[in-house]
Amino acid sequence: MKLAIGNDHVAVEMKKEIKEYLEEKGYEVINVGTDSNERFNYPVSGYKVARMVADGEVDGGILICGTGVGISLSANKVHGIRACVCSDPYTAKLSKQHNNTNIIAFGARVIGIETAKMIVDEWLNARYEGGRHQIRIDQIREIEETQHLKAAEE
């Protein structure tokens, strides 16, 4: 499985640890975030990861900034992306099972590294359940399509 990981300057150390953790488990991890503590705008890496996921270059994405909020908002602007901020493993698991998320995000200022690892593990091990949840995914996709078409008309 191939994953993309992105971050801002706040999350450099956590990103490095998560990347190493995943590689030790056999995942291929593409780093599109910053490795510098110099100020770095999270929309840049949020977009890069989201684009890679949407284009099928990777199987999923992990985003880390101070809270996970800003970077996930950036990713969610990309057509086809369902990114979710997760501060606990249960939310990560259900985000995949019920919402078929293709990107997770978390905050380096919110959680510690061990919780981050548990979040990643739960998300990667979870499987989308489909069924009644597909109705909601279809509704989300319909909203997205409507907005995409509206933007194209402008």
N, C-alpha and C. Protein backbone atom coordinates (compact mmCIF):
# COMPACT_ATOMS: atom_id res chain seq x y z
N MET A 1 0.85 -1.18 0.00
CA MET A 1 0.00 0.00 0.00
C MET A 1 0.89 1.24 0.00
N LYS A 2 0.51 2.21 -0.81
CA LYS A 2 1.28 3.44 -0.93
C LYS A 2 0.47 4.59 -0.33
N LEU A 3 1.11 5.37 0.55
CA LEU A 3 0.48 6.50 1.21
C LEU A 3 1.29 7.76 0.96
N ALA A 4 0.60 8.89 0.95
CA ALA A 4 1.28 10.19 0.90
C ALA A 4 1.10 10.83 2.27
N ILE A 5 2.13 11.52 2.72
CA ILE A 5 2.08 12.21 4.01
C ILE A 5 2.52 13.65 3.81
N GLY A 6 1.78 14.56 4.43
CA GLY A 6 2.09 15.98 4.32
C GLY A 6 1.95 16.66 5.66
N ASN A 7 2.62 17.77 5.80
CA ASN A 7 2.65 18.46 7.08
C ASN A 7 3.07 19.91 6.89
N ASP A 8 2.96 20.66 7.99
CA ASP A 8 3.51 22.01 8.03
C ASP A 8 4.70 22.01 8.97
N HIS A 9 5.23 23.20 9.26
CA HIS A 9 6.43 23.34 10.08
C HIS A 9 6.24 22.89 11.53
N VAL A 10 5.00 22.92 12.02
CA VAL A 10 4.71 22.53 13.40
C VAL A 10 4.84 21.02 13.58
N ALA A 11 4.61 20.28 12.52
CA ALA A 11 4.48 18.82 12.62
C ALA A 11 5.65 18.04 12.01
N VAL A 12 6.80 18.66 11.85
CA VAL A 12 7.93 17.99 11.21
C VAL A 12 8.33 16.72 11.96
N GLU A 13 8.51 16.82 13.24
CA GLU A 13 8.98 15.66 14.01
C GLU A 13 7.95 14.54 14.03
N MET A 14 6.68 14.88 14.22
CA MET A 14 5.65 13.85 14.23
C MET A 14 5.54 13.19 12.87
N LYS A 15 5.63 13.96 11.81
CA LYS A 15 5.59 13.40 10.45
C LYS A 15 6.72 12.40 10.26
N LYS A 16 7.92 12.76 10.69
CA LYS A 16 9.07 11.86 10.52
C LYS A 16 8.84 10.54 11.27
N GLU A 17 8.31 10.64 12.48
CA GLU A 17 8.07 9.43 13.27
C GLU A 17 6.98 8.56 12.66
N ILE A 18 5.91 9.17 12.19
CA ILE A 18 4.82 8.41 11.57
C ILE A 18 5.31 7.76 10.28
N LYS A 19 6.06 8.49 9.49
CA LYS A 19 6.59 7.95 8.23
C LYS A 19 7.46 6.73 8.52
N GLU A 20 8.36 6.85 9.46
CA GLU A 20 9.24 5.74 9.83
C GLU A 20 8.43 4.55 10.37
N TYR A 21 7.46 4.84 11.20
CA TYR A 21 6.59 3.81 11.77
C TYR A 21 5.89 3.02 10.67
N LEU A 22 5.37 3.71 9.70
CA LEU A 22 4.67 3.06 8.59
C LEU A 22 5.62 2.27 7.69
N GLU A 23 6.78 2.83 7.43
CA GLU A 23 7.76 2.13 6.58
C GLU A 23 8.23 0.84 7.25
N GLU A 24 8.37 0.86 8.57
CA GLU A 24 8.75 -0.35 9.30
C GLU A 24 7.68 -1.43 9.17
N LYS A 25 6.44 -1.02 8.94
CA LYS A 25 5.33 -1.96 8.77
C LYS A 25 5.17 -2.40 7.31
N GLY A 26 6.01 -1.87 6.43
CA GLY A 26 5.98 -2.28 5.03
C GLY A 26 5.23 -1.36 4.09
N TYR A 27 4.74 -0.23 4.57
CA TYR A 27 4.06 0.72 3.70
C TYR A 27 5.07 1.57 2.95
N GLU A 28 4.74 1.93 1.72
CA GLU A 28 5.52 2.90 0.98
C GLU A 28 4.92 4.27 1.31
N VAL A 29 5.75 5.20 1.78
CA VAL A 29 5.26 6.50 2.22
C VAL A 29 5.99 7.59 1.44
N ILE A 30 5.20 8.39 0.74
CA ILE A 30 5.76 9.51 -0.04
C ILE A 30 5.58 10.79 0.77
N ASN A 31 6.67 11.43 1.06
CA ASN A 31 6.69 12.66 1.85
C ASN A 31 6.54 13.87 0.93
N VAL A 32 5.44 14.59 1.06
CA VAL A 32 5.26 15.81 0.28
C VAL A 32 5.17 17.03 1.19
N GLY A 33 5.47 16.84 2.46
CA GLY A 33 5.46 17.95 3.41
C GLY A 33 6.82 18.57 3.54
N THR A 34 6.93 19.46 4.49
CA THR A 34 8.21 20.11 4.74
C THR A 34 9.02 19.33 5.76
N ASP A 35 10.33 19.42 5.65
CA ASP A 35 11.23 18.84 6.64
C ASP A 35 11.96 19.93 7.40
N SER A 36 11.48 21.14 7.26
CA SER A 36 12.10 22.31 7.89
C SER A 36 11.17 22.89 8.95
N ASN A 37 11.77 23.46 9.98
CA ASN A 37 10.99 24.14 11.01
C ASN A 37 10.68 25.59 10.63
N GLU A 38 11.12 26.00 9.44
CA GLU A 38 10.79 27.33 8.94
C GLU A 38 9.30 27.36 8.59
N ARG A 39 8.68 28.52 8.78
CA ARG A 39 7.24 28.64 8.52
C ARG A 39 6.90 28.06 7.14
N PHE A 40 5.86 27.23 7.12
CA PHE A 40 5.41 26.56 5.90
C PHE A 40 3.89 26.55 5.91
N ASN A 41 3.29 26.97 4.85
CA ASN A 41 1.83 27.05 4.78
C ASN A 41 1.21 25.69 4.49
N TYR A 42 0.41 25.21 5.43
CA TYR A 42 -0.19 23.87 5.34
C TYR A 42 -1.05 23.63 4.09
N PRO A 43 -1.69 24.65 3.49
CA PRO A 43 -2.47 24.33 2.28
C PRO A 43 -1.63 23.71 1.16
N VAL A 44 -0.35 24.02 1.13
CA VAL A 44 0.52 23.48 0.08
C VAL A 44 0.58 21.95 0.18
N SER A 45 0.92 21.43 1.35
CA SER A 45 1.02 19.98 1.47
C SER A 45 -0.35 19.32 1.55
N GLY A 46 -1.35 20.01 2.11
CA GLY A 46 -2.70 19.48 2.11
C GLY A 46 -3.20 19.23 0.70
N TYR A 47 -2.95 20.19 -0.17
CA TYR A 47 -3.36 20.05 -1.57
C TYR A 47 -2.57 18.95 -2.27
N LYS A 48 -1.25 18.91 -2.06
CA LYS A 48 -0.43 17.90 -2.75
C LYS A 48 -0.87 16.48 -2.40
N VAL A 49 -1.09 16.23 -1.12
CA VAL A 49 -1.54 14.89 -0.70
C VAL A 49 -2.91 14.60 -1.31
N ALA A 50 -3.83 15.55 -1.21
CA ALA A 50 -5.17 15.34 -1.74
C ALA A 50 -5.15 15.09 -3.24
N ARG A 51 -4.34 15.82 -3.95
CA ARG A 51 -4.24 15.63 -5.40
C ARG A 51 -3.74 14.23 -5.72
N MET A 52 -2.74 13.77 -4.98
CA MET A 52 -2.18 12.44 -5.21
C MET A 52 -3.24 11.35 -4.95
N VAL A 53 -4.02 11.54 -3.90
CA VAL A 53 -5.08 10.58 -3.58
C VAL A 53 -6.16 10.62 -4.66
N ALA A 54 -6.61 11.80 -5.01
CA ALA A 54 -7.67 11.95 -6.01
C ALA A 54 -7.24 11.41 -7.38
N ASP A 55 -5.98 11.55 -7.71
CA ASP A 55 -5.47 11.08 -9.00
C ASP A 55 -5.12 9.60 -9.00
N GLY A 56 -5.22 8.94 -7.84
CA GLY A 56 -4.92 7.52 -7.75
C GLY A 56 -3.44 7.18 -7.69
N GLU A 57 -2.60 8.18 -7.45
CA GLU A 57 -1.16 7.93 -7.35
C GLU A 57 -0.82 7.19 -6.06
N VAL A 58 -1.65 7.37 -5.03
CA VAL A 58 -1.48 6.72 -3.74
C VAL A 58 -2.82 6.17 -3.28
N ASP A 59 -2.77 5.29 -2.31
CA ASP A 59 -3.99 4.65 -1.80
C ASP A 59 -4.67 5.44 -0.69
N GLY A 60 -3.97 6.37 -0.09
CA GLY A 60 -4.53 7.19 0.98
C GLY A 60 -3.53 8.22 1.43
N GLY A 61 -3.99 9.11 2.32
CA GLY A 61 -3.12 10.19 2.76
C GLY A 61 -3.23 10.45 4.25
N ILE A 62 -2.14 10.98 4.78
CA ILE A 62 -2.07 11.38 6.18
C ILE A 62 -1.55 12.81 6.21
N LEU A 63 -2.28 13.66 6.94
CA LEU A 63 -1.93 15.07 7.04
C LEU A 63 -1.76 15.47 8.50
N ILE A 64 -0.74 16.29 8.76
CA ILE A 64 -0.48 16.72 10.13
C ILE A 64 -0.10 18.20 10.13
N CYS A 65 -0.83 18.97 10.92
CA CYS A 65 -0.46 20.36 11.19
C CYS A 65 -0.63 20.56 12.70
N GLY A 66 -0.78 21.79 13.13
CA GLY A 66 -0.93 22.03 14.57
C GLY A 66 -2.15 21.36 15.16
N THR A 67 -3.31 21.51 14.50
CA THR A 67 -4.55 20.90 14.99
C THR A 67 -5.10 19.83 14.06
N GLY A 68 -4.67 19.82 12.82
CA GLY A 68 -5.23 18.94 11.80
C GLY A 68 -6.38 19.58 11.05
N VAL A 69 -6.88 20.68 11.57
CA VAL A 69 -8.07 21.31 10.98
C VAL A 69 -7.73 22.01 9.66
N GLY A 70 -6.82 22.93 9.68
CA GLY A 70 -6.51 23.70 8.48
C GLY A 70 -6.06 22.85 7.31
N ILE A 71 -5.20 21.91 7.60
CA ILE A 71 -4.66 21.06 6.52
C ILE A 71 -5.74 20.15 5.95
N SER A 72 -6.68 19.70 6.80
CA SER A 72 -7.78 18.86 6.28
C SER A 72 -8.77 19.70 5.49
N LEU A 73 -8.99 20.93 5.90
CA LEU A 73 -9.87 21.82 5.13
C LEU A 73 -9.31 22.02 3.72
N SER A 74 -8.01 22.19 3.64
CA SER A 74 -7.37 22.36 2.33
C SER A 74 -7.56 21.11 1.48
N ALA A 75 -7.35 19.95 2.06
CA ALA A 75 -7.49 18.70 1.31
C ALA A 75 -8.92 18.50 0.84
N ASN A 76 -9.89 18.85 1.68
CA ASN A 76 -11.29 18.64 1.33
C ASN A 76 -11.77 19.53 0.19
N LYS A 77 -10.99 20.49 -0.23
CA LYS A 77 -11.35 21.32 -1.38
C LYS A 77 -11.10 20.60 -2.70
N VAL A 78 -10.37 19.49 -2.65
CA VAL A 78 -10.06 18.72 -3.85
C VAL A 78 -11.21 17.74 -4.12
N HIS A 79 -11.70 17.76 -5.34
CA HIS A 79 -12.80 16.90 -5.77
C HIS A 79 -12.48 15.43 -5.47
N GLY A 80 -13.38 14.76 -4.76
CA GLY A 80 -13.22 13.34 -4.47
C GLY A 80 -12.56 13.02 -3.15
N ILE A 81 -12.19 14.04 -2.41
CA ILE A 81 -11.50 13.82 -1.14
C ILE A 81 -12.48 13.86 0.02
N ARG A 82 -12.30 12.91 0.92
CA ARG A 82 -13.02 12.87 2.19
C ARG A 82 -11.98 12.75 3.28
N ALA A 83 -11.54 13.91 3.76
CA ALA A 83 -10.52 13.97 4.81
C ALA A 83 -11.19 14.25 6.15
N CYS A 84 -10.69 13.60 7.18
CA CYS A 84 -11.29 13.73 8.51
C CYS A 84 -10.21 13.97 9.56
N VAL A 85 -10.43 14.95 10.41
CA VAL A 85 -9.54 15.19 11.55
C VAL A 85 -9.88 14.16 12.62
N CYS A 86 -8.88 13.47 13.11
CA CYS A 86 -9.08 12.43 14.12
C CYS A 86 -8.15 12.69 15.31
N SER A 87 -8.74 12.79 16.49
CA SER A 87 -7.95 12.95 17.70
C SER A 87 -7.99 11.70 18.56
N ASP A 88 -8.67 10.66 18.06
CA ASP A 88 -8.74 9.39 18.79
C ASP A 88 -8.88 8.25 17.79
N PRO A 89 -8.47 7.06 18.17
CA PRO A 89 -8.53 5.91 17.26
C PRO A 89 -9.95 5.52 16.84
N TYR A 90 -10.91 5.66 17.71
CA TYR A 90 -12.29 5.27 17.40
C TYR A 90 -12.84 6.11 16.24
N THR A 91 -12.61 7.40 16.27
CA THR A 91 -13.06 8.27 15.18
C THR A 91 -12.39 7.89 13.87
N ALA A 92 -11.11 7.57 13.93
CA ALA A 92 -10.38 7.16 12.72
C ALA A 92 -10.99 5.90 12.12
N LYS A 93 -11.27 4.93 12.97
CA LYS A 93 -11.86 3.67 12.51
C LYS A 93 -13.23 3.90 11.87
N LEU A 94 -14.09 4.63 12.56
CA LEU A 94 -15.42 4.86 12.03
C LEU A 94 -15.42 5.77 10.81
N SER A 95 -14.45 6.67 10.73
CA SER A 95 -14.39 7.54 9.55
C SER A 95 -14.19 6.71 8.29
N LYS A 96 -13.45 5.62 8.39
CA LYS A 96 -13.24 4.71 7.25
C LYS A 96 -14.45 3.80 7.07
N GLN A 97 -14.94 3.21 8.16
CA GLN A 97 -16.05 2.26 8.07
C GLN A 97 -17.32 2.91 7.54
N HIS A 98 -17.62 4.12 8.00
CA HIS A 98 -18.89 4.76 7.67
C HIS A 98 -18.79 5.82 6.57
N ASN A 99 -17.66 6.51 6.50
CA ASN A 99 -17.52 7.62 5.57
C ASN A 99 -16.52 7.37 4.45
N ASN A 100 -15.89 6.21 4.47
CA ASN A 100 -14.90 5.84 3.46
C ASN A 100 -13.87 6.94 3.24
N THR A 101 -13.36 7.49 4.35
CA THR A 101 -12.36 8.55 4.25
C THR A 101 -11.14 8.04 3.50
N ASN A 102 -10.56 8.92 2.72
CA ASN A 102 -9.35 8.56 2.00
C ASN A 102 -8.12 9.34 2.49
N ILE A 103 -8.37 10.23 3.45
CA ILE A 103 -7.28 10.96 4.12
C ILE A 103 -7.68 11.15 5.57
N ILE A 104 -6.70 10.97 6.46
CA ILE A 104 -6.90 11.35 7.85
C ILE A 104 -5.93 12.47 8.19
N ALA A 105 -6.32 13.24 9.18
CA ALA A 105 -5.48 14.35 9.64
C ALA A 105 -5.52 14.37 11.16
N PHE A 106 -4.45 14.87 11.74
CA PHE A 106 -4.43 15.08 13.18
C PHE A 106 -3.45 16.19 13.51
N GLY A 107 -3.53 16.63 14.76
CA GLY A 107 -2.76 17.78 15.18
C GLY A 107 -1.58 17.42 16.06
N ALA A 108 -0.40 17.88 15.68
CA ALA A 108 0.81 17.64 16.46
C ALA A 108 0.76 18.37 17.81
N ARG A 109 -0.06 19.42 17.89
CA ARG A 109 -0.22 20.14 19.15
C ARG A 109 -1.38 19.60 19.98
N VAL A 110 -2.08 18.60 19.44
CA VAL A 110 -3.28 18.09 20.09
C VAL A 110 -3.05 16.70 20.68
N ILE A 111 -2.37 15.84 19.94
CA ILE A 111 -2.16 14.46 20.39
C ILE A 111 -0.67 14.14 20.44
N GLY A 112 -0.33 13.09 21.16
CA GLY A 112 1.04 12.60 21.22
C GLY A 112 1.30 11.56 20.15
N ILE A 113 2.54 11.18 20.02
CA ILE A 113 2.96 10.27 18.96
C ILE A 113 2.31 8.88 19.10
N GLU A 114 2.17 8.38 20.31
CA GLU A 114 1.57 7.04 20.46
C GLU A 114 0.10 7.05 20.06
N THR A 115 -0.61 8.10 20.41
CA THR A 115 -2.01 8.22 19.96
C THR A 115 -2.07 8.34 18.45
N ALA A 116 -1.14 9.09 17.87
CA ALA A 116 -1.09 9.23 16.41
C ALA A 116 -0.88 7.87 15.74
N LYS A 117 -0.02 7.06 16.30
CA LYS A 117 0.21 5.72 15.74
C LYS A 117 -1.05 4.87 15.83
N MET A 118 -1.74 4.94 16.96
CA MET A 118 -2.99 4.18 17.11
C MET A 118 -4.05 4.65 16.12
N ILE A 119 -4.13 5.96 15.92
CA ILE A 119 -5.08 6.51 14.94
C ILE A 119 -4.78 5.97 13.55
N VAL A 120 -3.53 6.03 13.16
CA VAL A 120 -3.12 5.54 11.84
C VAL A 120 -3.43 4.05 11.70
N ASP A 121 -3.10 3.27 12.71
CA ASP A 121 -3.36 1.82 12.66
C ASP A 121 -4.85 1.52 12.51
N GLU A 122 -5.67 2.17 13.32
CA GLU A 122 -7.12 1.91 13.25
C GLU A 122 -7.67 2.29 11.88
N TRP A 123 -7.22 3.41 11.36
CA TRP A 123 -7.69 3.87 10.06
C TRP A 123 -7.26 2.91 8.94
N LEU A 124 -6.01 2.50 8.97
CA LEU A 124 -5.51 1.60 7.92
C LEU A 124 -6.12 0.21 8.00
N ASN A 125 -6.45 -0.24 9.19
CA ASN A 125 -7.02 -1.58 9.36
C ASN A 125 -8.53 -1.63 9.14
N ALA A 126 -9.18 -0.50 9.18
CA ALA A 126 -10.64 -0.46 9.01
C ALA A 126 -11.00 -0.64 7.54
N ARG A 127 -12.17 -1.15 7.29
CA ARG A 127 -12.68 -1.32 5.93
C ARG A 127 -14.04 -0.64 5.82
N TYR A 128 -14.27 -0.02 4.70
CA TYR A 128 -15.54 0.63 4.44
C TYR A 128 -16.65 -0.41 4.43
N GLU A 129 -17.74 -0.14 5.14
CA GLU A 129 -18.84 -1.09 5.28
C GLU A 129 -19.87 -1.00 4.17
N GLY A 130 -19.93 0.11 3.47
CA GLY A 130 -20.93 0.25 2.40
C GLY A 130 -22.34 0.22 2.97
N GLY A 131 -23.24 -0.45 2.27
CA GLY A 131 -24.61 -0.58 2.75
C GLY A 131 -25.28 0.76 2.97
N ARG A 132 -25.87 0.92 4.15
CA ARG A 132 -26.61 2.15 4.45
C ARG A 132 -25.71 3.38 4.39
N HIS A 133 -24.42 3.18 4.57
CA HIS A 133 -23.48 4.31 4.54
C HIS A 133 -23.28 4.84 3.12
N GLN A 134 -23.48 3.99 2.13
CA GLN A 134 -23.27 4.41 0.75
C GLN A 134 -24.25 5.51 0.35
N ILE A 135 -25.44 5.47 0.90
CA ILE A 135 -26.43 6.51 0.61
C ILE A 135 -25.86 7.88 0.97
N ARG A 136 -25.22 7.96 2.11
CA ARG A 136 -24.66 9.25 2.58
C ARG A 136 -23.44 9.65 1.75
N ILE A 137 -22.63 8.68 1.40
CA ILE A 137 -21.47 8.98 0.55
C ILE A 137 -21.96 9.51 -0.80
N ASP A 138 -23.01 8.90 -1.33
CA ASP A 138 -23.58 9.38 -2.59
C ASP A 138 -24.13 10.80 -2.45
N GLN A 139 -24.74 11.11 -1.32
CA GLN A 139 -25.24 12.47 -1.08
C GLN A 139 -24.09 13.47 -1.01
N ILE A 140 -23.01 13.09 -0.36
CA ILE A 140 -21.84 13.96 -0.29
C ILE A 140 -21.29 14.18 -1.70
N ARG A 141 -21.19 13.10 -2.46
CA ARG A 141 -20.68 13.19 -3.83
C ARG A 141 -21.58 14.09 -4.68
N GLU A 142 -22.89 14.00 -4.48
CA GLU A 142 -23.84 14.84 -5.23
C GLU A 142 -23.61 16.32 -4.91
N ILE A 143 -23.42 16.64 -3.65
CA ILE A 143 -23.11 18.02 -3.25
C ILE A 143 -21.84 18.47 -3.95
N GLU A 144 -20.85 17.62 -3.91
CA GLU A 144 -19.56 17.94 -4.52
C GLU A 144 -19.70 18.16 -6.02
N GLU A 145 -20.43 17.30 -6.69
CA GLU A 145 -20.65 17.44 -8.13
C GLU A 145 -21.38 18.73 -8.47
N THR A 146 -22.39 19.05 -7.67
CA THR A 146 -23.15 20.29 -7.88
C THR A 146 -22.23 21.50 -7.78
N GLN A 147 -21.38 21.51 -6.79
CA GLN A 147 -20.46 22.63 -6.60
C GLN A 147 -19.41 22.68 -7.71
N HIS A 148 -18.96 21.50 -8.12
CA HIS A 148 -17.96 21.42 -9.19
C HIS A 148 -18.54 21.97 -10.50
N LEU A 149 -19.75 21.58 -10.81
CA LEU A 149 -20.40 22.07 -12.03
C LEU A 149 -20.68 23.57 -11.95
N LYS A 150 -21.10 24.02 -10.78
CA LYS A 150 -21.38 25.44 -10.59
C LYS A 150 -20.11 26.26 -10.81
N ALA A 151 -19.00 25.78 -10.29
CA ALA A 151 -17.72 26.50 -10.46
C ALA A 151 -17.30 26.52 -11.93
N ALA A 152 -17.57 25.44 -12.64
CA ALA A 152 -17.20 25.37 -14.06
C ALA A 152 -18.01 26.33 -14.91
N GLU A 153 -19.25 26.60 -14.48
CA GLU A 153 -20.12 27.51 -15.21
C GLU A 153 -19.70 28.97 -15.03
N GLU A 154 -19.02 29.27 -13.94
CA GLU A 154 -18.65 30.66 -13.63
C GLU A 154 -17.48 31.15 -14.41
